[in-house]
């Protein structure tokens, strides 16, 4: 029979998010954003990926001719 702490450890959830930013993103901005995300105890912060310039980027209908930078984050 398992102890309560074993059940508790197994029930820990991980939440996955994809953060998207439209436009050019500076290295300084990304480092500040990652510092702010550290307060939420991230399990993993993925590397950033950029799309080529698009006429109308997905998820951002009000922007034209911009690229989208995205990265994945996992939190407890």
Protein backbone atom coordinates (compact mmCIF):
# COMPACT_ATOMS: atom_id res chain seq x y z
CA UNK A 1 0.00 0.00 0.00
CA UNK A 2 1.33 3.45 -0.97
CA UNK A 3 1.86 6.22 1.49
CA UNK A 4 0.08 9.56 1.17
CA UNK A 5 3.25 11.40 0.06
CA UNK A 6 3.61 8.97 -2.87
CA UNK A 7 0.06 9.72 -4.04
CA UNK A 8 0.71 13.42 -3.63
CA UNK A 9 3.91 13.25 -5.69
CA UNK A 10 2.11 11.38 -8.48
CA UNK A 11 -0.72 13.90 -8.60
CA UNK A 12 1.57 16.84 -9.39
CA UNK A 13 0.38 18.46 -12.59
CA UNK A 14 2.39 20.19 -15.26
CA UNK A 15 0.74 22.94 -17.30
CA UNK A 16 1.96 23.64 -20.83
CA UNK A 17 1.64 27.05 -22.47
CA UNK A 18 2.79 28.59 -25.73
CA UNK A 19 3.61 32.29 -25.47
CA UNK A 20 3.41 34.26 -28.72
CA UNK A 21 4.71 37.78 -29.33
CA UNK A 22 4.11 39.69 -32.54
CA UNK A 23 6.87 41.87 -34.00
CA UNK A 24 10.60 42.03 -33.42
CA UNK A 25 11.78 40.81 -30.02
CA UNK A 26 15.06 42.01 -28.56
CA UNK A 27 17.39 39.79 -26.56
CA UNK A 28 17.04 42.16 -23.60
CA UNK A 29 13.23 41.82 -23.64
CA UNK A 30 13.43 38.01 -23.72
CA UNK A 31 15.85 37.89 -20.80
CA UNK A 32 13.59 40.18 -18.73
CA UNK A 33 10.54 38.08 -19.62
CA UNK A 34 12.31 34.87 -18.58
CA UNK A 35 13.30 36.50 -15.27
CA UNK A 36 9.65 37.38 -14.64
CA UNK A 37 8.55 33.84 -15.51
CA UNK A 38 11.01 32.43 -12.95
CA UNK A 39 8.72 33.57 -10.13
CA UNK A 40 6.15 30.98 -11.25
CA UNK A 41 8.58 28.03 -10.88
CA UNK A 42 8.86 26.91 -14.52
CA UNK A 43 9.81 23.31 -15.19
CA UNK A 44 11.08 24.11 -18.67
CA UNK A 45 11.33 27.18 -20.89
CA UNK A 46 11.84 26.29 -24.54
CA UNK A 47 13.89 28.15 -27.08
CA UNK A 48 12.26 30.90 -29.09
CA UNK A 49 11.18 30.36 -32.68
CA UNK A 50 10.24 33.05 -35.18
CA UNK A 51 8.03 32.81 -38.23
CA UNK A 52 8.85 34.65 -41.42
CA UNK A 53 7.09 37.94 -42.04
CA UNK A 54 3.45 37.20 -42.81
CA UNK A 55 0.82 39.38 -44.43
CA UNK A 56 -1.64 38.67 -41.59
CA UNK A 57 -0.11 36.58 -38.76
CA UNK A 58 -2.30 33.90 -37.18
CA UNK A 59 -3.78 34.90 -33.78
CA UNK A 60 -3.01 38.58 -34.44
CA UNK A 61 -5.59 39.84 -36.97
CA UNK A 62 -4.94 43.55 -36.33
CA UNK A 63 -1.26 43.33 -37.31
CA UNK A 64 -0.01 43.27 -40.89
CA UNK A 65 3.38 42.30 -42.30
CA UNK A 66 4.92 41.14 -39.02
CA UNK A 67 6.65 38.03 -37.75
CA UNK A 68 5.56 36.07 -34.67
CA UNK A 69 7.99 34.84 -32.02
CA UNK A 70 6.82 31.94 -29.86
CA UNK A 71 8.20 29.64 -27.18
CA UNK A 72 6.82 26.86 -24.98
CA UNK A 73 6.76 26.97 -21.19
CA UNK A 74 5.90 24.29 -18.62
CA UNK A 75 4.79 25.22 -15.09
CA UNK A 76 3.97 23.19 -11.98
